[in-house]
Amino acid sequence: MSEKPDLIIENGSLKMDGSGGNHYYEFVKGNYKYVCYLNILGTADTSPAILSVYKDNKEILNMSAEIR
């Protein structure tokens, strides 16, 4: 946590996903888009968060994440 981050993204937008509380944050930097999904409702197998990264609107990363 004391290391300098490799990437800082700002000015994201909050998007609500239905009425159950699930939502996501979307950030754009150059030709990259970063989307962090927060899963409030789901099953026991649902990841609490998912990070997706897109380059030129093509998904290049999709991974489960933890909320800390």
N, C-alpha and C. Protein backbone atom coordinates (compact mmCIF):
# COMPACT_ATOMS: atom_id res chain seq x y z
N MET A 1 0.81 -1.19 0.00
CA MET A 1 0.00 0.00 0.00
C MET A 1 0.86 1.27 0.00
N SER A 2 2.13 1.15 0.28
CA SER A 2 2.99 2.33 0.30
C SER A 2 3.60 2.64 -1.06
N GLU A 3 3.45 1.73 -2.03
CA GLU A 3 4.01 1.96 -3.35
C GLU A 3 3.15 2.93 -4.16
N LYS A 4 3.81 3.65 -5.05
CA LYS A 4 3.10 4.56 -5.94
C LYS A 4 2.31 3.75 -6.97
N PRO A 5 1.05 4.10 -7.24
CA PRO A 5 0.25 3.33 -8.20
C PRO A 5 0.77 3.48 -9.63
N ASP A 6 0.58 2.42 -10.43
CA ASP A 6 0.96 2.46 -11.84
C ASP A 6 0.00 3.29 -12.67
N LEU A 7 -1.25 3.39 -12.22
CA LEU A 7 -2.30 4.06 -12.99
C LEU A 7 -3.25 4.76 -12.05
N ILE A 8 -3.59 5.98 -12.37
CA ILE A 8 -4.60 6.74 -11.64
C ILE A 8 -5.67 7.15 -12.64
N ILE A 9 -6.91 6.78 -12.36
CA ILE A 9 -8.01 7.17 -13.24
C ILE A 9 -9.00 7.98 -12.42
N GLU A 10 -9.52 9.03 -13.02
CA GLU A 10 -10.40 9.96 -12.31
C GLU A 10 -11.65 10.22 -13.13
N ASN A 11 -12.58 10.92 -12.50
CA ASN A 11 -13.80 11.39 -13.16
C ASN A 11 -14.64 10.26 -13.74
N GLY A 12 -14.78 9.20 -12.96
CA GLY A 12 -15.65 8.10 -13.38
C GLY A 12 -17.11 8.47 -13.20
N SER A 13 -17.96 7.61 -13.73
CA SER A 13 -19.39 7.84 -13.57
C SER A 13 -20.03 6.60 -12.95
N LEU A 14 -21.00 6.83 -12.09
CA LEU A 14 -21.73 5.78 -11.41
C LEU A 14 -22.94 5.40 -12.25
N LYS A 15 -23.12 4.11 -12.48
CA LYS A 15 -24.26 3.60 -13.24
C LYS A 15 -25.01 2.60 -12.36
N MET A 16 -26.29 2.84 -12.15
CA MET A 16 -27.11 1.91 -11.38
C MET A 16 -27.57 0.80 -12.32
N ASP A 17 -27.61 -0.43 -11.79
CA ASP A 17 -27.95 -1.59 -12.61
C ASP A 17 -29.18 -2.27 -12.00
N GLY A 18 -30.34 -1.75 -12.32
CA GLY A 18 -31.58 -2.29 -11.77
C GLY A 18 -31.92 -1.68 -10.43
N SER A 19 -32.87 -2.29 -9.73
CA SER A 19 -33.34 -1.73 -8.47
C SER A 19 -32.84 -2.50 -7.25
N GLY A 20 -32.01 -3.52 -7.45
CA GLY A 20 -31.54 -4.35 -6.34
C GLY A 20 -30.29 -3.87 -5.66
N GLY A 21 -29.69 -2.80 -6.13
CA GLY A 21 -28.49 -2.26 -5.50
C GLY A 21 -27.21 -2.51 -6.28
N ASN A 22 -27.23 -3.47 -7.22
CA ASN A 22 -26.02 -3.68 -8.03
C ASN A 22 -25.75 -2.42 -8.84
N HIS A 23 -24.48 -2.09 -8.96
CA HIS A 23 -24.10 -0.89 -9.70
C HIS A 23 -22.68 -1.04 -10.19
N TYR A 24 -22.23 -0.08 -11.01
CA TYR A 24 -20.85 -0.12 -11.48
C TYR A 24 -20.34 1.29 -11.71
N TYR A 25 -19.02 1.39 -11.68
CA TYR A 25 -18.33 2.64 -11.96
C TYR A 25 -17.60 2.47 -13.28
N GLU A 26 -17.66 3.49 -14.10
CA GLU A 26 -17.02 3.44 -15.42
C GLU A 26 -16.04 4.60 -15.54
N PHE A 27 -14.81 4.27 -15.93
CA PHE A 27 -13.76 5.27 -16.11
C PHE A 27 -13.20 5.13 -17.51
N VAL A 28 -12.89 6.25 -18.14
CA VAL A 28 -12.29 6.23 -19.49
C VAL A 28 -10.99 7.01 -19.44
N LYS A 29 -9.95 6.41 -20.00
CA LYS A 29 -8.65 7.08 -20.10
C LYS A 29 -8.06 6.71 -21.44
N GLY A 30 -8.02 7.66 -22.37
CA GLY A 30 -7.55 7.38 -23.72
C GLY A 30 -8.48 6.39 -24.40
N ASN A 31 -7.91 5.37 -25.00
CA ASN A 31 -8.75 4.38 -25.68
C ASN A 31 -9.06 3.18 -24.77
N TYR A 32 -8.87 3.35 -23.48
CA TYR A 32 -9.19 2.32 -22.50
C TYR A 32 -10.43 2.71 -21.69
N LYS A 33 -11.24 1.71 -21.36
CA LYS A 33 -12.38 1.90 -20.47
C LYS A 33 -12.27 0.87 -19.36
N TYR A 34 -12.42 1.31 -18.12
CA TYR A 34 -12.33 0.47 -16.94
C TYR A 34 -13.71 0.45 -16.29
N VAL A 35 -14.24 -0.74 -16.04
CA VAL A 35 -15.56 -0.86 -15.43
C VAL A 35 -15.43 -1.75 -14.19
N CYS A 36 -15.85 -1.22 -13.05
CA CYS A 36 -15.83 -1.97 -11.79
C CYS A 36 -17.27 -2.21 -11.37
N TYR A 37 -17.69 -3.47 -11.45
CA TYR A 37 -19.05 -3.87 -11.09
C TYR A 37 -19.08 -4.26 -9.61
N LEU A 38 -20.06 -3.74 -8.87
CA LEU A 38 -20.25 -4.10 -7.47
C LEU A 38 -21.55 -4.87 -7.35
N ASN A 39 -21.42 -6.13 -6.94
CA ASN A 39 -22.56 -7.03 -6.86
C ASN A 39 -23.12 -7.05 -5.44
N ILE A 40 -24.23 -6.36 -5.22
CA ILE A 40 -24.87 -6.33 -3.92
C ILE A 40 -25.77 -7.56 -3.78
N LEU A 41 -26.52 -7.87 -4.81
CA LEU A 41 -27.38 -9.05 -4.83
C LEU A 41 -26.76 -10.12 -5.71
N GLY A 42 -26.82 -11.35 -5.27
CA GLY A 42 -26.29 -12.46 -6.05
C GLY A 42 -26.38 -13.74 -5.23
N THR A 43 -25.77 -14.78 -5.73
CA THR A 43 -25.75 -16.05 -5.03
C THR A 43 -24.48 -16.15 -4.20
N ALA A 44 -24.33 -17.25 -3.49
CA ALA A 44 -23.12 -17.47 -2.69
C ALA A 44 -21.88 -17.55 -3.58
N ASP A 45 -22.07 -17.92 -4.85
CA ASP A 45 -20.94 -18.04 -5.78
C ASP A 45 -20.63 -16.74 -6.52
N THR A 46 -21.45 -15.71 -6.34
CA THR A 46 -21.25 -14.44 -7.03
C THR A 46 -20.08 -13.68 -6.41
N SER A 47 -19.15 -13.23 -7.23
CA SER A 47 -18.04 -12.43 -6.76
C SER A 47 -18.56 -11.08 -6.26
N PRO A 48 -18.00 -10.55 -5.18
CA PRO A 48 -18.46 -9.25 -4.68
C PRO A 48 -18.21 -8.11 -5.66
N ALA A 49 -17.21 -8.28 -6.51
CA ALA A 49 -16.88 -7.24 -7.49
C ALA A 49 -16.24 -7.89 -8.71
N ILE A 50 -16.34 -7.21 -9.84
CA ILE A 50 -15.72 -7.67 -11.08
C ILE A 50 -15.09 -6.46 -11.76
N LEU A 51 -13.87 -6.63 -12.23
CA LEU A 51 -13.19 -5.58 -12.98
C LEU A 51 -13.10 -6.02 -14.44
N SER A 52 -13.55 -5.16 -15.33
CA SER A 52 -13.42 -5.39 -16.77
C SER A 52 -12.66 -4.22 -17.38
N VAL A 53 -11.75 -4.53 -18.28
CA VAL A 53 -10.97 -3.51 -18.98
C VAL A 53 -11.18 -3.71 -20.47
N TYR A 54 -11.44 -2.61 -21.15
CA TYR A 54 -11.68 -2.62 -22.60
C TYR A 54 -10.65 -1.72 -23.27
N LYS A 55 -10.15 -2.18 -24.42
CA LYS A 55 -9.29 -1.35 -25.26
C LYS A 55 -9.96 -1.25 -26.61
N ASP A 56 -10.21 -0.04 -27.06
CA ASP A 56 -10.93 0.19 -28.31
C ASP A 56 -12.24 -0.59 -28.34
N ASN A 57 -12.96 -0.58 -27.21
CA ASN A 57 -14.26 -1.24 -27.04
C ASN A 57 -14.21 -2.76 -27.14
N LYS A 58 -13.02 -3.36 -27.03
CA LYS A 58 -12.89 -4.81 -27.01
C LYS A 58 -12.39 -5.21 -25.62
N GLU A 59 -13.10 -6.14 -24.97
CA GLU A 59 -12.72 -6.55 -23.62
C GLU A 59 -11.38 -7.29 -23.65
N ILE A 60 -10.43 -6.80 -22.84
CA ILE A 60 -9.12 -7.43 -22.77
C ILE A 60 -8.86 -8.05 -21.39
N LEU A 61 -9.72 -7.75 -20.40
CA LEU A 61 -9.56 -8.32 -19.07
C LEU A 61 -10.92 -8.38 -18.39
N ASN A 62 -11.17 -9.48 -17.70
CA ASN A 62 -12.38 -9.63 -16.89
C ASN A 62 -12.00 -10.52 -15.73
N MET A 63 -12.03 -9.97 -14.51
CA MET A 63 -11.60 -10.75 -13.37
C MET A 63 -12.40 -10.42 -12.12
N SER A 64 -12.54 -11.41 -11.25
CA SER A 64 -13.20 -11.20 -9.97
C SER A 64 -12.32 -10.32 -9.10
N ALA A 65 -12.97 -9.59 -8.20
CA ALA A 65 -12.23 -8.70 -7.31
C ALA A 65 -12.87 -8.73 -5.93
N GLU A 66 -12.13 -8.29 -4.95
CA GLU A 66 -12.62 -8.16 -3.59
C GLU A 66 -12.80 -6.69 -3.26
N ILE A 67 -13.72 -6.41 -2.38
CA ILE A 67 -13.92 -5.04 -1.91
C ILE A 67 -13.17 -4.91 -0.60
N ARG A 68 -12.28 -3.94 -0.54
CA ARG A 68 -11.49 -3.73 0.69
C ARG A 68 -11.71 -2.36 1.23
